[in-house]
Protein backbone atom coordinates (compact mmCIF):
# COMPACT_ATOMS: atom_id res chain seq x y z
CA MET A 1 -58.49 51.05 -225.25
CA PRO A 2 -56.89 52.48 -222.05
CA ARG A 3 -53.25 53.55 -222.29
CA THR A 4 -52.52 52.69 -218.65
CA ILE A 5 -52.41 48.97 -217.91
CA VAL A 6 -52.27 47.68 -214.33
CA PHE A 7 -51.27 44.10 -213.60
CA ASP A 8 -51.99 41.73 -210.77
CA VAL A 9 -48.78 39.91 -209.81
CA ASN A 10 -49.23 36.45 -208.26
CA GLU A 11 -50.36 33.89 -210.85
CA THR A 12 -50.97 36.62 -213.41
CA LEU A 13 -47.30 37.55 -213.94
CA LEU A 14 -45.51 35.08 -211.68
CA ASP A 15 -45.70 31.29 -211.73
CA LEU A 16 -46.82 29.93 -208.35
CA GLY A 17 -45.75 26.50 -209.60
CA ALA A 18 -42.38 27.26 -208.00
CA LEU A 19 -44.07 26.57 -204.66
CA ALA A 20 -44.89 22.98 -205.62
CA VAL A 21 -41.48 21.65 -204.52
CA PRO A 22 -41.40 23.09 -200.97
CA PHE A 23 -45.06 22.18 -200.41
CA ALA A 24 -44.42 18.61 -201.58
CA GLU A 25 -41.39 18.37 -199.30
CA VAL A 26 -43.37 19.50 -196.25
CA PHE A 27 -46.77 17.95 -196.91
CA GLY A 28 -45.85 15.03 -199.16
CA ASP A 29 -48.27 16.40 -201.72
CA ALA A 30 -47.87 19.46 -203.95
CA SER A 31 -51.67 19.93 -204.02
CA ALA A 32 -51.40 21.45 -200.55
CA ARG A 33 -50.23 24.61 -202.34
CA GLY A 34 -53.70 25.11 -203.81
CA LEU A 35 -55.34 24.57 -200.43
CA TRP A 36 -52.97 27.10 -198.89
CA PHE A 37 -53.62 29.79 -201.51
CA ALA A 38 -57.38 29.28 -201.22
CA GLN A 39 -57.05 29.76 -197.46
CA VAL A 40 -54.98 32.91 -197.98
CA LEU A 41 -57.73 34.38 -200.17
CA GLN A 42 -60.50 33.34 -197.77
CA THR A 43 -58.69 34.96 -194.85
CA ALA A 44 -58.09 38.14 -196.86
CA MET A 45 -61.77 38.38 -197.83
CA THR A 46 -62.75 37.85 -194.19
CA SER A 47 -60.38 40.66 -193.24
CA ASN A 48 -62.21 42.96 -195.66
CA ALA A 49 -65.60 41.97 -194.29
CA ILE A 50 -64.81 42.43 -190.60
CA GLY A 51 -62.44 45.39 -190.95
CA ARG A 52 -59.43 43.80 -189.27
CA TYR A 53 -56.38 44.09 -191.52
CA SER A 54 -53.15 42.09 -191.45
CA ASN A 55 -50.78 42.27 -194.38
CA PHE A 56 -50.66 39.51 -196.96
CA GLY A 57 -47.42 38.09 -195.59
CA VAL A 58 -48.92 37.64 -192.13
CA ILE A 59 -52.01 36.08 -193.66
CA GLY A 60 -49.84 33.74 -195.75
CA GLY A 61 -48.12 32.49 -192.61
CA ALA A 62 -51.41 32.04 -190.76
CA ALA A 63 -52.91 30.13 -193.70
CA LEU A 64 -49.87 27.84 -193.76
CA GLU A 65 -50.41 27.00 -190.10
CA MET A 66 -54.08 26.18 -190.81
CA VAL A 67 -53.23 23.85 -193.70
CA ALA A 68 -50.61 22.13 -191.57
CA GLU A 69 -53.10 21.59 -188.76
CA ARG A 70 -55.66 20.16 -191.18
CA ARG A 71 -53.05 17.79 -192.58
CA GLY A 72 -51.66 16.83 -189.18
CA VAL A 73 -48.23 18.22 -190.06
CA THR A 74 -45.93 19.91 -187.57
CA LEU A 75 -44.11 22.78 -189.23
CA SER A 76 -40.50 23.48 -188.35
CA ASP A 77 -38.99 26.95 -188.65
CA HIS A 78 -37.11 25.65 -191.69
CA ASN A 79 -40.37 24.47 -193.28
CA ARG A 80 -41.99 27.86 -192.81
CA ALA A 81 -38.98 29.77 -194.09
CA ASN A 82 -38.64 27.49 -197.11
CA ILE A 83 -42.23 27.90 -198.23
CA LEU A 84 -42.73 31.56 -197.37
CA GLY A 85 -39.29 32.51 -198.70
CA THR A 86 -40.03 30.89 -202.05
CA ILE A 87 -42.95 33.30 -202.49
CA ARG A 88 -40.36 36.03 -203.11
CA GLU A 89 -38.45 33.84 -205.58
CA MET A 90 -40.97 32.84 -208.23
CA PRO A 91 -40.19 33.15 -211.94
CA ALA A 92 -42.32 35.06 -214.38
CA HIS A 93 -44.47 32.96 -216.68
CA PRO A 94 -42.37 32.37 -219.82
CA GLU A 95 -44.27 34.74 -222.11
CA VAL A 96 -44.54 37.61 -219.61
CA PRO A 97 -41.26 39.54 -220.21
CA SER A 98 -41.72 39.80 -223.97
CA ALA A 99 -45.41 40.67 -223.63
CA LEU A 100 -44.63 43.49 -221.19
CA GLU A 101 -41.85 44.73 -223.44
CA ARG A 102 -44.23 44.96 -226.38
CA LEU A 103 -46.64 47.12 -224.39
CA LYS A 104 -43.87 49.33 -223.06
CA THR A 105 -42.39 49.78 -226.54
CA ALA A 106 -45.85 50.72 -227.82
CA GLY A 107 -45.99 53.57 -225.28
CA TYR A 108 -48.32 52.14 -222.65
CA ARG A 109 -47.92 53.06 -218.99
CA LEU A 110 -47.50 49.89 -216.93
CA ALA A 111 -48.03 49.41 -213.19
CA THR A 112 -48.80 46.62 -210.75
CA LEU A 113 -51.49 46.42 -208.08
CA THR A 114 -51.12 43.58 -205.61
CA ASN A 115 -52.40 42.33 -202.29
CA SER A 116 -48.78 41.71 -201.26
CA PRO A 117 -46.91 44.23 -199.07
CA PRO A 118 -44.51 46.61 -200.86
CA ALA A 119 -41.25 44.93 -199.81
CA ALA A 120 -42.52 41.54 -200.94
CA VAL A 121 -43.67 42.67 -204.38
CA ASP A 122 -40.45 44.62 -204.93
CA ALA A 123 -38.48 41.46 -204.18
CA GLN A 124 -40.75 39.35 -206.40
CA LEU A 125 -40.49 41.62 -209.43
CA ALA A 126 -36.73 41.99 -209.00
CA PHE A 127 -36.21 38.22 -208.77
CA ALA A 128 -38.38 37.68 -211.85
CA GLY A 129 -36.35 40.29 -213.77
CA ILE A 130 -39.33 42.46 -214.69
CA ALA A 131 -39.21 45.27 -212.12
CA ASP A 132 -37.98 47.85 -214.64
CA MET A 133 -41.07 47.34 -216.80
CA PHE A 134 -43.31 49.17 -214.33
CA GLU A 135 -43.75 52.84 -213.58
CA MET A 136 -45.29 52.03 -210.19
CA SER A 137 -45.78 48.99 -207.97
CA LEU A 138 -48.86 49.62 -205.83
CA SER A 139 -49.87 47.66 -202.73
CA VAL A 140 -53.21 47.45 -200.94
CA ASP A 141 -51.27 48.16 -197.75
CA ALA A 142 -51.90 51.83 -198.61
CA VAL A 143 -55.62 51.44 -197.84
CA SER A 144 -55.66 48.31 -195.62
CA LYS A 145 -58.24 46.67 -197.88
CA PHE A 146 -57.53 43.70 -200.12
CA LYS A 147 -58.67 43.43 -203.70
CA PRO A 148 -61.46 43.11 -204.77
CA HIS A 149 -62.49 45.87 -202.32
CA ARG A 150 -63.17 49.04 -204.26
CA ALA A 151 -60.81 51.05 -202.06
CA ALA A 152 -57.82 49.24 -203.59
CA TYR A 153 -58.73 50.18 -207.17
CA ASP A 154 -59.67 53.74 -206.23
CA MET A 155 -56.29 54.17 -204.52
CA ALA A 156 -54.49 52.96 -207.66
CA ALA A 157 -56.46 55.37 -209.85
CA ARG A 158 -55.53 58.27 -207.57
CA ARG A 159 -51.85 57.31 -207.43
CA LEU A 160 -51.68 56.96 -211.21
CA ASP A 161 -53.76 60.15 -211.66
CA VAL A 162 -55.95 58.44 -214.24
CA ALA A 163 -59.75 58.22 -214.34
CA PRO A 164 -61.02 54.68 -213.63
CA ALA A 165 -62.57 54.38 -217.10
CA GLU A 166 -59.11 54.98 -218.60
CA LEU A 167 -57.51 52.11 -216.67
CA MET A 168 -57.34 48.41 -217.48
CA LEU A 169 -56.58 45.70 -214.94
CA VAL A 170 -54.99 42.47 -216.19
CA ALA A 171 -55.48 39.52 -213.83
CA ALA A 172 -55.79 35.76 -213.75
CA HIS A 173 -58.43 35.88 -210.99
CA ASN A 174 -62.13 36.34 -211.71
CA TRP A 175 -62.69 38.12 -208.39
CA ASP A 176 -60.01 40.66 -209.31
CA THR A 177 -61.34 41.50 -212.77
CA SER A 178 -64.88 41.69 -211.33
CA GLY A 179 -63.66 44.05 -208.61
CA ALA A 180 -61.94 46.30 -211.11
CA ILE A 181 -64.98 46.45 -213.38
CA ALA A 182 -67.19 47.30 -210.38
CA ALA A 183 -64.81 50.19 -209.65
CA GLY A 184 -65.29 51.54 -213.19
CA TRP A 185 -62.17 50.07 -214.79
CA GLN A 186 -61.84 47.96 -217.91
CA ALA A 187 -60.36 44.49 -217.42
CA ALA A 188 -58.54 41.67 -219.16
CA PHE A 189 -58.75 38.11 -217.83
CA VAL A 190 -55.77 35.79 -218.27
CA ALA A 191 -57.28 32.31 -218.47
CA ARG A 192 -54.29 30.39 -217.17
CA PRO A 193 -54.80 26.64 -216.62
CA GLY A 194 -57.51 26.13 -214.03
CA MET A 195 -58.59 29.77 -214.06
CA VAL A 196 -62.12 30.42 -215.29
CA LEU A 197 -64.72 33.16 -215.25
CA GLY A 198 -67.89 32.32 -213.34
CA PRO A 199 -71.47 32.80 -214.53
CA LEU A 200 -71.98 35.60 -211.98
CA ASP A 201 -68.78 37.49 -212.84
CA ALA A 202 -68.64 40.81 -214.66
CA THR A 203 -67.54 40.29 -218.26
CA PRO A 204 -64.01 41.58 -218.99
CA GLN A 205 -63.36 43.47 -222.20
CA ILE A 206 -60.56 41.00 -223.03
CA VAL A 207 -60.13 37.29 -222.32
CA GLY A 208 -56.88 35.63 -223.37
CA ALA A 209 -55.19 32.28 -222.84
CA ASP A 210 -51.93 33.89 -221.69
CA MET A 211 -50.22 37.26 -221.59
CA THR A 212 -49.21 37.10 -225.25
CA ASP A 213 -52.85 36.62 -226.24
CA VAL A 214 -54.00 39.46 -223.98
CA VAL A 215 -51.37 41.86 -225.34
CA LYS A 216 -52.27 41.05 -228.94
CA GLN A 217 -55.85 42.05 -228.17
CA ILE A 218 -54.80 45.23 -226.36
CA LEU A 219 -52.73 46.18 -229.43
CA HIS A 220 -55.60 45.18 -231.77
CA GLU A 221 -53.47 42.67 -233.65
């Protein structure tokens, strides 16, 4: 089992449920959050395909405008700031701090790899109280390619100075674990509610219901 574990951040470590309140206030329906995040991912994947990069924060704002237009909602500056500001103020999932602590105590190197820009992920991890768990917080901004593009995983391997086969990505997104496996990494899938692996996805070495379950398997408990 690899001794260097790299974590996705949004949904994997942090609970996007915190966005339900501002989305409900603006759109009258918290389900708009899911539509927004799906649009964020679609726009990011399009960016990869056409080679025109904007950082994840810019894409998040653009996706919000698209959802508002579809819903016939006029966004005020306050609306935008409320939703986009909350992205930096999301709590960790309840089991995450103790799970990370167990890995750190066991001597594992821990890092994050996220599509978010560096300032945003630094703020997120600090707000969630888990920033000191990680040796490095890596952003795809360094290569201007979003996960699951191979360039993102190769950059992380270089920065950590570890061969891909000796790295494990932990993520709650099937496209992320599949991208890591395609880049030669091992992977663990966190099957949070609503998150599933597809029949065409690469098979992760570990599948767990939450971070506690994943860590138990990493530690062979």
